[in-house]
PDB file of N, CA and C in Angstrom:
ATOM      1  N   UNK A   1     131.331  77.158  98.557  1.00  0.00           N
ATOM      2  CA  UNK A   1     131.660  77.166  99.989  1.00  0.00           C
ATOM      3  C   UNK A   1     132.578  76.002 100.295  1.00  0.00           C
ATOM      4  N   UNK A   2     133.637  76.274 100.985  1.00  0.00           N
ATOM      5  CA  UNK A   2     134.585  75.242 101.391  1.00  0.00           C
ATOM      6  C   UNK A   2     134.015  74.509 102.595  1.00  0.00           C
ATOM      7  N   UNK A   3     133.710  73.207 102.418  1.00  0.00           N
ATOM      8  CA  UNK A   3     133.112  72.465 103.527  1.00  0.00           C
ATOM      9  C   UNK A   3     134.071  71.448 104.126  1.00  0.00           C
ATOM     10  N   UNK A   4     135.382  71.706 103.994  1.00  0.00           N
ATOM     11  CA  UNK A   4     136.340  70.765 104.543  1.00  0.00           C
ATOM     12  C   UNK A   4     136.220  70.647 106.061  1.00  0.00           C
ATOM     13  N   UNK A   5     135.646  71.655 106.696  1.00  0.00           N
ATOM     14  CA  UNK A   5     135.489  71.617 108.142  1.00  0.00           C
ATOM     15  C   UNK A   5     134.067  71.259 108.560  1.00  0.00           C
ATOM     16  N   UNK A   6     133.235  70.868 107.624  1.00  0.00           N
ATOM     17  CA  UNK A   6     131.877  70.473 107.948  1.00  0.00           C
ATOM     18  C   UNK A   6     131.903  69.081 108.573  1.00  0.00           C
ATOM     19  N   UNK A   7     131.397  68.978 109.788  1.00  0.00           N
ATOM     20  CA  UNK A   7     131.475  67.729 110.536  1.00  0.00           C
ATOM     21  C   UNK A   7     130.107  67.285 111.025  1.00  0.00           C
ATOM     22  N   UNK A   8     129.931  65.981 111.117  1.00  0.00           N
ATOM     23  CA  UNK A   8     128.716  65.422 111.700  1.00  0.00           C
ATOM     24  C   UNK A   8     128.773  65.584 113.223  1.00  0.00           C
ATOM     25  N   UNK A   9     127.670  65.329 113.862  1.00  0.00           N
ATOM     26  CA  UNK A   9     127.601  65.391 115.320  1.00  0.00           C
ATOM     27  C   UNK A   9     128.630  64.453 115.960  1.00  0.00           C
ATOM     28  N   UNK A  10     128.734  63.251 115.445  1.00  0.00           N
ATOM     29  CA  UNK A  10     129.682  62.275 115.989  1.00  0.00           C
ATOM     30  C   UNK A  10     131.118  62.714 115.753  1.00  0.00           C
ATOM     31  N   UNK A  11     131.419  63.207 114.564  1.00  0.00           N
ATOM     32  CA  UNK A  11     132.764  63.696 114.288  1.00  0.00           C
ATOM     33  C   UNK A  11     133.115  64.871 115.206  1.00  0.00           C
ATOM     34  N   UNK A  12     132.154  65.754 115.443  1.00  0.00           N
ATOM     35  CA  UNK A  12     132.382  66.872 116.359  1.00  0.00           C
ATOM     36  C   UNK A  12     132.663  66.375 117.773  1.00  0.00           C
ATOM     37  N   UNK A  13     131.965  65.340 118.194  1.00  0.00           N
ATOM     38  CA  UNK A  13     132.208  64.774 119.528  1.00  0.00           C
ATOM     39  C   UNK A  13     133.627  64.242 119.647  1.00  0.00           C
ATOM     40  N   UNK A  14     134.099  63.558 118.606  1.00  0.00           N
ATOM     41  CA  UNK A  14     135.465  63.034 118.605  1.00  0.00           C
ATOM     42  C   UNK A  14     136.463  64.190 118.619  1.00  0.00           C
ATOM     43  N   UNK A  15     136.226  65.192 117.792  1.00  0.00           N
ATOM     44  CA  UNK A  15     137.118  66.355 117.753  1.00  0.00           C
ATOM     45  C   UNK A  15     137.142  67.073 119.100  1.00  0.00           C
ATOM     46  N   UNK A  16     135.987  67.172 119.744  1.00  0.00           N
ATOM     47  CA  UNK A  16     135.933  67.848 121.048  1.00  0.00           C
ATOM     48  C   UNK A  16     136.815  67.131 122.072  1.00  0.00           C
ATOM     49  N   UNK A  17     136.781  65.802 122.057  1.00  0.00           N
ATOM     50  CA  UNK A  17     137.652  65.044 122.967  1.00  0.00           C
ATOM     51  C   UNK A  17     139.109  65.421 122.712  1.00  0.00           C
ATOM     52  N   UNK A  18     139.488  65.502 121.438  1.00  0.00           N
ATOM     53  CA  UNK A  18     140.869  65.844 121.105  1.00  0.00           C
ATOM     54  C   UNK A  18     141.202  67.295 121.464  1.00  0.00           C
ATOM     55  N   UNK A  19     140.277  68.215 121.240  1.00  0.00           N
ATOM     56  CA  UNK A  19     140.529  69.607 121.611  1.00  0.00           C
ATOM     57  C   UNK A  19     140.747  69.744 123.115  1.00  0.00           C
ATOM     58  N   UNK A  20     139.958  69.035 123.891  1.00  0.00           N
ATOM     59  CA  UNK A  20     140.084  69.123 125.351  1.00  0.00           C
ATOM     60  C   UNK A  20     141.358  68.433 125.837  1.00  0.00           C
ATOM     61  N   UNK A  21     141.622  67.233 125.306  1.00  0.00           N
ATOM     62  CA  UNK A  21     142.755  66.433 125.782  1.00  0.00           C
ATOM     63  C   UNK A  21     144.088  66.881 125.191  1.00  0.00           C
ATOM     64  N   UNK A  22     144.055  67.481 124.020  1.00  0.00           N
ATOM     65  CA  UNK A  22     145.299  67.820 123.331  1.00  0.00           C
ATOM     66  C   UNK A  22     145.742  66.676 122.433  1.00  0.00           C
ATOM     67  N   UNK A  23     145.876  65.503 123.002  1.00  0.00           N
ATOM     68  CA  UNK A  23     146.206  64.284 122.270  1.00  0.00           C
ATOM     69  C   UNK A  23     145.441  63.135 122.905  1.00  0.00           C
ATOM     70  N   UNK A  24     145.113  62.123 122.101  1.00  0.00           N
ATOM     71  CA  UNK A  24     144.380  60.976 122.633  1.00  0.00           C
ATOM     72  C   UNK A  24     144.520  59.786 121.699  1.00  0.00           C
ATOM     73  N   UNK A  25     144.502  58.598 122.293  1.00  0.00           N
ATOM     74  CA  UNK A  25     144.477  57.355 121.527  1.00  0.00           C
ATOM     75  C   UNK A  25     143.027  56.999 121.217  1.00  0.00           C
ATOM     76  N   UNK A  26     142.849  55.987 120.379  1.00  0.00           N
ATOM     77  CA  UNK A  26     141.496  55.488 120.108  1.00  0.00           C
ATOM     78  C   UNK A  26     140.831  55.089 121.425  1.00  0.00           C
ATOM     79  N   UNK A  27     141.590  54.423 122.293  1.00  0.00           N
ATOM     80  CA  UNK A  27     141.037  53.985 123.582  1.00  0.00           C
ATOM     81  C   UNK A  27     140.615  55.178 124.436  1.00  0.00           C
ATOM     82  N   UNK A  28     141.424  56.241 124.427  1.00  0.00           N
ATOM     83  CA  UNK A  28     141.081  57.443 125.192  1.00  0.00           C
ATOM     84  C   UNK A  28     139.775  58.067 124.690  1.00  0.00           C
ATOM     85  N   UNK A  29     139.655  58.175 123.375  1.00  0.00           N
ATOM     86  CA  UNK A  29     138.440  58.756 122.790  1.00  0.00           C
ATOM     87  C   UNK A  29     137.251  57.848 123.090  1.00  0.00           C
ATOM     88  N   UNK A  30     137.452  56.549 122.951  1.00  0.00           N
ATOM     89  CA  UNK A  30     136.383  55.589 123.253  1.00  0.00           C
ATOM     90  C   UNK A  30     135.917  55.744 124.698  1.00  0.00           C
ATOM     91  N   UNK A  31     136.866  55.799 125.630  1.00  0.00           N
ATOM     92  CA  UNK A  31     136.518  55.943 127.050  1.00  0.00           C
ATOM     93  C   UNK A  31     135.741  57.229 127.313  1.00  0.00           C
ATOM     94  N   UNK A  32     136.124  58.300 126.640  1.00  0.00           N
ATOM     95  CA  UNK A  32     135.456  59.587 126.840  1.00  0.00           C
ATOM     96  C   UNK A  32     134.038  59.594 126.279  1.00  0.00           C
ATOM     97  N   UNK A  33     133.837  58.913 125.161  1.00  0.00           N
ATOM     98  CA  UNK A  33     132.526  58.964 124.486  1.00  0.00           C
ATOM     99  C   UNK A  33     131.610  57.797 124.829  1.00  0.00           C
ATOM    100  N   UNK A  34     132.166  56.710 125.355  1.00  0.00           N
ATOM    101  CA  UNK A  34     131.366  55.501 125.569  1.00  0.00           C
ATOM    102  C   UNK A  34     130.120  55.720 126.443  1.00  0.00           C
ATOM    103  N   UNK A  35     130.231  56.472 127.551  1.00  0.00           N
ATOM    104  CA  UNK A  35     129.017  56.663 128.371  1.00  0.00           C
ATOM    105  C   UNK A  35     127.852  57.298 127.601  1.00  0.00           C
ATOM    106  N   UNK A  36     128.145  58.224 126.685  1.00  0.00           N
ATOM    107  CA  UNK A  36     127.086  58.896 125.942  1.00  0.00           C
ATOM    108  C   UNK A  36     126.716  58.157 124.662  1.00  0.00           C
ATOM    109  N   UNK A  37     127.703  57.570 124.012  1.00  0.00           N
ATOM    110  CA  UNK A  37     127.505  57.063 122.657  1.00  0.00           C
ATOM    111  C   UNK A  37     127.463  55.540 122.559  1.00  0.00           C
ATOM    112  N   UNK A  38     128.187  54.838 123.428  1.00  0.00           N
ATOM    113  CA  UNK A  38     128.212  53.385 123.382  1.00  0.00           C
ATOM    114  C   UNK A  38     128.812  52.815 122.102  1.00  0.00           C
ATOM    115  N   UNK A  39     129.775  53.521 121.526  1.00  0.00           N
ATOM    116  CA  UNK A  39     130.376  53.091 120.269  1.00  0.00           C
ATOM    117  C   UNK A  39     131.500  52.092 120.488  1.00  0.00           C
ATOM    118  N   UNK A  40     131.719  51.250 119.506  1.00  0.00           N
ATOM    119  CA  UNK A  40     132.829  50.305 119.545  1.00  0.00           C
ATOM    120  C   UNK A  40     134.135  51.040 119.251  1.00  0.00           C
ATOM    121  N   UNK A  41     135.237  50.563 119.801  1.00  0.00           N
ATOM    122  CA  UNK A  41     136.537  51.175 119.489  1.00  0.00           C
ATOM    123  C   UNK A  41     136.838  51.196 117.987  1.00  0.00           C
ATOM    124  N   UNK A  42     136.380  50.188 117.257  1.00  0.00           N
ATOM    125  CA  UNK A  42     136.624  50.172 115.811  1.00  0.00           C
ATOM    126  C   UNK A  42     135.903  51.327 115.109  1.00  0.00           C
ATOM    127  N   UNK A  43     134.758  51.701 115.625  1.00  0.00           N
ATOM    128  CA  UNK A  43     134.028  52.843 115.059  1.00  0.00           C
ATOM    129  C   UNK A  43     134.815  54.127 115.288  1.00  0.00           C
ATOM    130  N   UNK A  44     135.347  54.285 116.489  1.00  0.00           N
ATOM    131  CA  UNK A  44     136.166  55.460 116.811  1.00  0.00           C
ATOM    132  C   UNK A  44     137.389  55.497 115.895  1.00  0.00           C
ATOM    133  N   UNK A  45     138.036  54.343 115.719  1.00  0.00           N
ATOM    134  CA  UNK A  45     139.226  54.272 114.862  1.00  0.00           C
ATOM    135  C   UNK A  45     138.881  54.665 113.423  1.00  0.00           C
ATOM    136  N   UNK A  46     137.735  54.229 112.941  1.00  0.00           N
ATOM    137  CA  UNK A  46     137.304  54.573 111.586  1.00  0.00           C
ATOM    138  C   UNK A  46     137.068  56.073 111.460  1.00  0.00           C
ATOM    139  N   UNK A  47     136.411  56.662 112.444  1.00  0.00           N
ATOM    140  CA  UNK A  47     136.147  58.106 112.416  1.00  0.00           C
ATOM    141  C   UNK A  47     137.458  58.878 112.413  1.00  0.00           C
ATOM    142  N   UNK A  48     138.390  58.483 113.275  1.00  0.00           N
ATOM    143  CA  UNK A  48     139.681  59.164 113.333  1.00  0.00           C
ATOM    144  C   UNK A  48     140.441  59.023 112.013  1.00  0.00           C
ATOM    145  N   UNK A  49     140.380  57.858 111.417  1.00  0.00           N
ATOM    146  CA  UNK A  49     141.045  57.635 110.133  1.00  0.00           C
ATOM    147  C   UNK A  49     140.460  58.537 109.052  1.00  0.00           C
ATOM    148  N   UNK A  50     139.151  58.658 109.022  1.00  0.00           N
ATOM    149  CA  UNK A  50     138.493  59.515 108.035  1.00  0.00           C
ATOM    150  C   UNK A  50     138.813  60.992 108.271  1.00  0.00           C
ATOM    151  N   UNK A  51     138.850  61.387 109.538  1.00  0.00           N
ATOM    152  CA  UNK A  51     139.215  62.767 109.858  1.00  0.00           C
ATOM    153  C   UNK A  51     140.661  63.048 109.446  1.00  0.00           C
ATOM    154  N   UNK A  52     141.508  62.050 109.594  1.00  0.00           N
ATOM    155  CA  UNK A  52     142.908  62.215 109.203  1.00  0.00           C
ATOM    156  C   UNK A  52     143.027  62.344 107.680  1.00  0.00           C
ATOM    157  N   UNK A  53     142.277  61.559 106.944  1.00  0.00           N
ATOM    158  CA  UNK A  53     142.298  61.646 105.482  1.00  0.00           C
ATOM    159  C   UNK A  53     141.854  63.021 105.009  1.00  0.00           C
ATOM    160  N   UNK A  54     140.997  63.662 105.764  1.00  0.00           N
ATOM    161  CA  UNK A  54     140.523  65.009 105.425  1.00  0.00           C
ATOM    162  C   UNK A  54     141.482  66.092 105.900  1.00  0.00           C
ATOM    163  N   UNK A  55     142.533  65.700 106.625  1.00  0.00           N
ATOM    164  CA  UNK A  55     143.512  66.660 107.102  1.00  0.00           C
ATOM    165  C   UNK A  55     143.131  67.378 108.377  1.00  0.00           C
ATOM    166  N   UNK A  56     142.114  66.878 109.073  1.00  0.00           N
ATOM    167  CA  UNK A  56     141.642  67.543 110.290  1.00  0.00           C
ATOM    168  C   UNK A  56     142.341  67.044 111.545  1.00  0.00           C
ATOM    169  N   UNK A  57     142.853  65.826 111.500  1.00  0.00           N
ATOM    170  CA  UNK A  57     143.655  65.284 112.607  1.00  0.00           C
ATOM    171  C   UNK A  57     144.903  64.647 112.022  1.00  0.00           C
ATOM    172  N   UNK A  58     145.873  64.411 112.878  1.00  0.00           N
ATOM    173  CA  UNK A  58     147.079  63.689 112.508  1.00  0.00           C
ATOM    174  C   UNK A  58     147.448  62.780 113.659  1.00  0.00           C
ATOM    175  N   UNK A  59     148.340  61.835 113.384  1.00  0.00           N
ATOM    176  CA  UNK A  59     148.738  60.935 114.457  1.00  0.00           C
ATOM    177  C   UNK A  59     150.244  60.758 114.485  1.00  0.00           C
ATOM    178  N   UNK A  60     150.700  60.304 115.630  1.00  0.00           N
ATOM    179  CA  UNK A  60     152.072  59.846 115.793  1.00  0.00           C
ATOM    180  C   UNK A  60     151.985  58.469 116.428  1.00  0.00           C
ATOM    181  N   UNK A  61     152.994  57.663 116.214  1.00  0.00           N
ATOM    182  CA  UNK A  61     153.000  56.321 116.790  1.00  0.00           C
ATOM    183  C   UNK A  61     153.674  56.342 118.145  1.00  0.00           C
ATOM    184  N   UNK A  62     153.049  55.665 119.080  1.00  0.00           N
ATOM    185  CA  UNK A  62     153.614  55.481 120.411  1.00  0.00           C
ATOM    186  C   UNK A  62     153.500  53.992 120.699  1.00  0.00           C
ATOM    187  N   UNK A  63     154.591  53.282 120.490  1.00  0.00           N
ATOM    188  CA  UNK A  63     154.520  51.833 120.573  1.00  0.00           C
ATOM    189  C   UNK A  63     153.639  51.327 119.447  1.00  0.00           C
ATOM    190  N   UNK A  64     152.630  50.561 119.801  1.00  0.00           N
ATOM    191  CA  UNK A  64     151.715  50.018 118.790  1.00  0.00           C
ATOM    192  C   UNK A  64     150.446  50.849 118.648  1.00  0.00           C
ATOM    193  N   UNK A  65     150.373  51.943 119.377  1.00  0.00           N
ATOM    194  CA  UNK A  65     149.173  52.780 119.318  1.00  0.00           C
ATOM    195  C   UNK A  65     149.435  54.059 118.545  1.00  0.00           C
ATOM    196  N   UNK A  66     148.375  54.564 117.921  1.00  0.00           N
ATOM    197  CA  UNK A  66     148.414  55.885 117.318  1.00  0.00           C
ATOM    198  C   UNK A  66     147.895  56.875 118.354  1.00  0.00           C
ATOM    199  N   UNK A  67     148.586  57.997 118.460  1.00  0.00           N
ATOM    200  CA  UNK A  67     148.147  59.086 119.326  1.00  0.00           C
ATOM    201  C   UNK A  67     147.738  60.231 118.400  1.00  0.00           C
ATOM    202  N   UNK A  68     146.463  60.610 118.485  1.00  0.00           N
ATOM    203  CA  UNK A  68     145.887  61.607 117.576  1.00  0.00           C
ATOM    204  C   UNK A  68     145.846  62.985 118.210  1.00  0.00           C
ATOM    205  N   UNK A  69     145.939  63.988 117.348  1.00  0.00           N
ATOM    206  CA  UNK A  69     145.723  65.385 117.752  1.00  0.00           C
ATOM    207  C   UNK A  69     145.109  66.115 116.572  1.00  0.00           C
ATOM    208  N   UNK A  70     144.445  67.221 116.868  1.00  0.00           N
ATOM    209  CA  UNK A  70     143.785  67.969 115.807  1.00  0.00           C
ATOM    210  C   UNK A  70     144.795  68.821 115.049  1.00  0.00           C
ATOM    211  N   UNK A  71     144.455  69.090 113.821  1.00  0.00           N
ATOM    212  CA  UNK A  71     145.251  69.999 112.990  1.00  0.00           C
ATOM    213  C   UNK A  71     144.508  71.306 112.764  1.00  0.00           C
ATOM    214  N   UNK A  72     143.287  71.396 113.280  1.00  0.00           N
ATOM    215  CA  UNK A  72     142.473  72.608 113.157  1.00  0.00           C
ATOM    216  C   UNK A  72     141.930  72.950 114.543  1.00  0.00           C
ATOM    217  N   UNK A  73     141.701  74.221 114.757  1.00  0.00           N
ATOM    218  CA  UNK A  73     141.166  74.654 116.042  1.00  0.00           C
ATOM    219  C   UNK A  73     139.646  74.534 116.051  1.00  0.00           C
ATOM    220  N   UNK A  74     139.109  74.547 117.241  1.00  0.00           N
ATOM    221  CA  UNK A  74     137.657  74.526 117.379  1.00  0.00           C
ATOM    222  C   UNK A  74     137.053  75.770 116.720  1.00  0.00           C
ATOM    223  N   UNK A  75     137.735  76.904 116.865  1.00  0.00           N
ATOM    224  CA  UNK A  75     137.246  78.151 116.272  1.00  0.00           C
ATOM    225  C   UNK A  75     137.212  78.069 114.751  1.00  0.00           C
ATOM    226  N   UNK A  76     138.215  77.425 114.136  1.00  0.00           N
ATOM    227  CA  UNK A  76     138.217  77.272 112.680  1.00  0.00           C
ATOM    228  C   UNK A  76     137.027  76.437 112.216  1.00  0.00           C
ATOM    229  N   UNK A  77     136.740  75.376 112.945  1.00  0.00           N
ATOM    230  CA  UNK A  77     135.607  74.517 112.592  1.00  0.00           C
ATOM    231  C   UNK A  77     134.296  75.276 112.788  1.00  0.00           C
ATOM    232  N   UNK A  78     134.180  75.986 113.896  1.00  0.00           N
ATOM    233  CA  UNK A  78     132.968  76.767 114.133  1.00  0.00           C
ATOM    234  C   UNK A  78     132.756  77.788 113.020  1.00  0.00           C
ATOM    235  N   UNK A  79     133.811  78.504 112.668  1.00  0.00           N
ATOM    236  CA  UNK A  79     133.725  79.533 111.629  1.00  0.00           C
ATOM    237  C   UNK A  79     133.267  78.922 110.304  1.00  0.00           C
ATOM    238  N   UNK A  80     133.865  77.810 109.940  1.00  0.00           N
ATOM    239  CA  UNK A  80     133.531  77.149 108.680  1.00  0.00           C
ATOM    240  C   UNK A  80     132.093  76.646 108.671  1.00  0.00           C
ATOM    241  N   UNK A  81     131.692  75.999 109.769  1.00  0.00           N
ATOM    242  CA  UNK A  81     130.349  75.422 109.817  1.00  0.00           C
ATOM    243  C   UNK A  81     129.267  76.496 109.902  1.00  0.00           C
ATOM    244  N   UNK A  82     129.528  77.576 110.623  1.00  0.00           N
ATOM    245  CA  UNK A  82     128.546  78.662 110.697  1.00  0.00           C
ATOM    246  C   UNK A  82     128.433  79.359 109.344  1.00  0.00           C
ATOM    247  N   UNK A  83     129.560  79.530 108.651  1.00  0.00           N
ATOM    248  CA  UNK A  83     129.518  80.132 107.316  1.00  0.00           C
ATOM    249  C   UNK A  83     128.706  79.250 106.369  1.00  0.00           C
ATOM    250  N   UNK A  84     128.910  77.941 106.451  1.00  0.00           N
ATOM    251  CA  UNK A  84     128.156  77.021 105.601  1.00  0.00           C
ATOM    252  C   UNK A  84     126.665  77.068 105.930  1.00  0.00           C
ATOM    253  N   UNK A  85     126.346  77.072 107.216  1.00  0.00           N
ATOM    254  CA  UNK A  85     124.951  77.163 107.645  1.00  0.00           C
ATOM    255  C   UNK A  85     124.313  78.467 107.164  1.00  0.00           C
ATOM    256  N   UNK A  86     125.052  79.556 107.297  1.00  0.00           N
ATOM    257  CA  UNK A  86     124.545  80.853 106.853  1.00  0.00           C
ATOM    258  C   UNK A  86     124.278  80.842 105.354  1.00  0.00           C
ATOM    259  N   UNK A  87     125.206  80.255 104.595  1.00  0.00           N
ATOM    260  CA  UNK A  87     125.018  80.175 103.141  1.00  0.00           C
ATOM    261  C   UNK A  87     123.816  79.309 102.779  1.00  0.00           C
ATOM    262  N   UNK A  88     123.705  78.146 103.422  1.00  0.00           N
ATOM    263  CA  UNK A  88     122.661  77.191 103.067  1.00  0.00           C
ATOM    264  C   UNK A  88     121.259  77.622 103.490  1.00  0.00           C
ATOM    265  N   UNK A  89     121.139  78.144 104.696  1.00  0.00           N
ATOM    266  CA  UNK A  89     119.810  78.427 105.241  1.00  0.00           C
ATOM    267  C   UNK A  89     119.382  79.890 105.192  1.00  0.00           C
ATOM    268  N   UNK A  90     120.359  80.792 105.085  1.00  0.00           N
ATOM    269  CA  UNK A  90     120.030  82.208 105.159  1.00  0.00           C
ATOM    270  C   UNK A  90     120.572  82.999 103.974  1.00  0.00           C
ATOM    271  N   UNK A  91     120.771  82.299 102.844  1.00  0.00           N
ATOM    272  CA  UNK A  91     121.226  82.922 101.596  1.00  0.00           C
ATOM    273  C   UNK A  91     122.480  83.766 101.792  1.00  0.00           C
ATOM    274  N   UNK A  92     123.337  83.332 102.700  1.00  0.00           N
ATOM    275  CA  UNK A  92     124.591  84.039 102.940  1.00  0.00           C
ATOM    276  C   UNK A  92     124.448  85.325 103.729  1.00  0.00           C
ATOM    277  N   UNK A  93     123.277  85.570 104.297  1.00  0.00           N
ATOM    278  CA  UNK A  93     123.005  86.820 105.000  1.00  0.00           C
ATOM    279  C   UNK A  93     123.145  86.621 106.507  1.00  0.00           C
ATOM    280  N   UNK A  94     124.263  87.091 107.098  1.00  0.00           N
ATOM    281  CA  UNK A  94     124.453  86.909 108.544  1.00  0.00           C
ATOM    282  C   UNK A  94     123.399  87.621 109.390  1.00  0.00           C
ATOM    283  N   UNK A  95     122.842  88.722 108.875  1.00  0.00           N
ATOM    284  CA  UNK A  95     121.798  89.426 109.628  1.00  0.00           C
ATOM    285  C   UNK A  95     120.569  88.534 109.802  1.00  0.00           C
ATOM    286  N   UNK A  96     120.261  87.742 108.781  1.00  0.00           N
ATOM    287  CA  UNK A  96     119.130  86.811 108.883  1.00  0.00           C
ATOM    288  C   UNK A  96     119.410  85.731 109.919  1.00  0.00           C
ATOM    289  N   UNK A  97     120.651  85.237 109.972  1.00  0.00           N
ATOM    290  CA  UNK A  97     121.034  84.244 110.981  1.00  0.00           C
ATOM    291  C   UNK A  97     120.870  84.830 112.383  1.00  0.00           C
ATOM    292  N   UNK A  98     121.374  86.029 112.581  1.00  0.00           N
ATOM    293  CA  UNK A  98     121.269  86.677 113.900  1.00  0.00           C
ATOM    294  C   UNK A  98     119.806  86.921 114.254  1.00  0.00           C
ATOM    295  N   UNK A  99     119.031  87.382 113.295  1.00  0.00           N
ATOM    296  CA  UNK A  99     117.607  87.601 113.526  1.00  0.00           C
ATOM    297  C   UNK A  99     116.923  86.308 113.956  1.00  0.00           C
ATOM    298  N   UNK A 100     117.244  85.236 113.268  1.00  0.00           N
ATOM    299  CA  UNK A 100     116.669  83.933 113.613  1.00  0.00           C
ATOM    300  C   UNK A 100     117.057  83.529 115.037  1.00  0.00           C
ATOM    301  N   UNK A 101     118.325  83.666 115.365  1.00  0.00           N
ATOM    302  CA  UNK A 101     118.786  83.285 116.711  1.00  0.00           C
ATOM    303  C   UNK A 101     118.105  84.116 117.791  1.00  0.00           C
ATOM    304  N   UNK A 102     117.960  85.401 117.533  1.00  0.00           N
ATOM    305  CA  UNK A 102     117.334  86.279 118.528  1.00  0.00           C
ATOM    306  C   UNK A 102     115.847  85.986 118.694  1.00  0.00           C
ATOM    307  N   UNK A 103     115.189  85.588 117.624  1.00  0.00           N
ATOM    308  CA  UNK A 103     113.750  85.350 117.722  1.00  0.00           C
ATOM    309  C   UNK A 103     113.417  83.934 118.190  1.00  0.00           C
ATOM    310  N   UNK A 104     114.301  82.987 117.957  1.00  0.00           N
ATOM    311  CA  UNK A 104     114.006  81.588 118.265  1.00  0.00           C
ATOM    312  C   UNK A 104     114.620  81.092 119.573  1.00  0.00           C
ATOM    313  N   UNK A 105     115.486  81.860 120.167  1.00  0.00           N
ATOM    314  CA  UNK A 105     116.145  81.442 121.407  1.00  0.00           C
ATOM    315  C   UNK A 105     115.762  82.383 122.537  1.00  0.00           C
ATOM    316  N   UNK A 106     115.585  81.811 123.718  1.00  0.00           N
ATOM    317  CA  UNK A 106     115.372  82.645 124.895  1.00  0.00           C
ATOM    318  C   UNK A 106     116.729  83.131 125.380  1.00  0.00           C
ATOM    319  N   UNK A 107     116.902  84.436 125.394  1.00  0.00           N
ATOM    320  CA  UNK A 107     118.150  85.029 125.871  1.00  0.00           C
ATOM    321  C   UNK A 107     117.886  85.733 127.189  1.00  0.00           C
ATOM    322  N   UNK A 108     118.737  85.439 128.165  1.00  0.00           N
ATOM    323  CA  UNK A 108     118.587  86.167 129.417  1.00  0.00           C
ATOM    324  C   UNK A 108     119.217  87.549 129.238  1.00  0.00           C
ATOM    325  N   UNK A 109     118.956  88.464 130.156  1.00  0.00           N
ATOM    326  CA  UNK A 109     119.468  89.832 130.012  1.00  0.00           C
ATOM    327  C   UNK A 109     120.991  89.899 129.868  1.00  0.00           C
ATOM    328  N   UNK A 110     121.714  89.000 130.514  1.00  0.00           N
ATOM    329  CA  UNK A 110     123.179  89.002 130.396  1.00  0.00           C
ATOM    330  C   UNK A 110     123.615  88.648 128.975  1.00  0.00           C
ATOM    331  N   UNK A 111     122.979  87.642 128.379  1.00  0.00           N
ATOM    332  CA  UNK A 111     123.316  87.266 127.011  1.00  0.00           C
ATOM    333  C   UNK A 111     122.972  88.390 126.042  1.00  0.00           C
ATOM    334  N   UNK A 112     121.831  89.006 126.248  1.00  0.00           N
ATOM    335  CA  UNK A 112     121.427  90.114 125.394  1.00  0.00           C
ATOM    336  C   UNK A 112     122.415  91.279 125.503  1.00  0.00           C
ATOM    337  N   UNK A 113     122.866  91.555 126.712  1.00  0.00           N
ATOM    338  CA  UNK A 113     123.859  92.617 126.915  1.00  0.00           C
ATOM    339  C   UNK A 113     125.171  92.270 126.209  1.00  0.00           C
ATOM    340  N   UNK A 114     125.568  91.012 126.244  1.00  0.00           N
ATOM    341  CA  UNK A 114     126.790  90.588 125.545  1.00  0.00           C
ATOM    342  C   UNK A 114     126.643  90.775 124.039  1.00  0.00           C
ATOM    343  N   UNK A 115     125.479  90.423 123.503  1.00  0.00           N
ATOM    344  CA  UNK A 115     125.246  90.585 122.068  1.00  0.00           C
ATOM    345  C   UNK A 115     125.310  92.066 121.699  1.00  0.00           C
ATOM    346  N   UNK A 116     124.676  92.911 122.494  1.00  0.00           N
ATOM    347  CA  UNK A 116     124.717  94.356 122.241  1.00  0.00           C
ATOM    348  C   UNK A 116     126.150  94.873 122.273  1.00  0.00           C
ATOM    349  N   UNK A 117     126.918  94.434 123.257  1.00  0.00           N
ATOM    350  CA  UNK A 117     128.319  94.869 123.377  1.00  0.00           C
ATOM    351  C   UNK A 117     129.140  94.412 122.172  1.00  0.00           C
ATOM    352  N   UNK A 118     128.884  93.194 121.681  1.00  0.00           N
ATOM    353  CA  UNK A 118     129.604  92.701 120.499  1.00  0.00           C
ATOM    354  C   UNK A 118     129.273  93.544 119.268  1.00  0.00           C
ATOM    355  N   UNK A 119     127.999  93.912 119.133  1.00  0.00           N
ATOM    356  CA  UNK A 119     127.579  94.728 117.992  1.00  0.00           C
ATOM    357  C   UNK A 119     128.235  96.110 118.075  1.00  0.00           C
ATOM    358  N   UNK A 120     128.243  96.691 119.269  1.00  0.00           N
ATOM    359  CA  UNK A 120     128.858  98.000 119.453  1.00  0.00           C
ATOM    360  C   UNK A 120     130.361  97.946 119.162  1.00  0.00           C
ATOM    361  N   UNK A 121     131.023  96.906 119.630  1.00  0.00           N
ATOM    362  CA  UNK A 121     132.468  96.766 119.371  1.00  0.00           C
ATOM    363  C   UNK A 121     132.733  96.593 117.889  1.00  0.00           C
ATOM    364  N   UNK A 122     131.898  95.849 117.195  1.00  0.00           N
ATOM    365  CA  UNK A 122     132.064  95.649 115.752  1.00  0.00           C
ATOM    366  C   UNK A 122     131.834  96.945 115.002  1.00  0.00           C
ATOM    367  N   UNK A 123     130.838  97.731 115.452  1.00  0.00           N
ATOM    368  CA  UNK A 123     130.577  99.027 114.815  1.00  0.00           C
ATOM    369  C   UNK A 123     131.770  99.947 114.970  1.00  0.00           C
ATOM    370  N   UNK A 124     132.365  99.998 116.141  1.00  0.00           N
ATOM    371  CA  UNK A 124     133.529 100.842 116.377  1.00  0.00           C
ATOM    372  C   UNK A 124     134.713 100.390 115.539  1.00  0.00           C
ATOM    373  N   UNK A 125     134.879  99.089 115.398  1.00  0.00           N
ATOM    374  CA  UNK A 125     136.016  98.557 114.642  1.00  0.00           C
ATOM    375  C   UNK A 125     135.913  98.850 113.154  1.00  0.00           C
ATOM    376  N   UNK A 126     134.703  99.008 112.657  1.00  0.00           N
ATOM    377  CA  UNK A 126     134.516  99.235 111.222  1.00  0.00           C
ATOM    378  C   UNK A 126     134.422 100.720 110.869  1.00  0.00           C
ATOM    379  N   UNK A 127     134.503 101.596 111.859  1.00  0.00           N
ATOM    380  CA  UNK A 127     134.405 103.042 111.596  1.00  0.00           C
ATOM    381  C   UNK A 127     135.755 103.613 111.220  1.00  0.00           C
TER     382      UNK A 127
END
């Protein structure tokens, strides 16, 4: 399994700031995450540097600051991480993952209707 998109909770938080903002400096990311995380700017800079080494973000220079942006979409990361989770916890069986989600989560009727509609659309697409 390719885990290049496997991210920790903190890395996901940093990526989310970039996905929402489009581009951000270390200071911008720090300001966005500080109320929840209380991290030092140097910690943010280290995370961004590591994400860049993995090819998930890139930067351009603006004066003396680096301005970061993602090189992968949120959907790509979600797809990769869900595939990894499915492989690790459900022996690669997506039906087991769905079964687990349906049995362990409270779904309101609207969510259940959406899931049914997705299944029906997938069935039609594969016929």
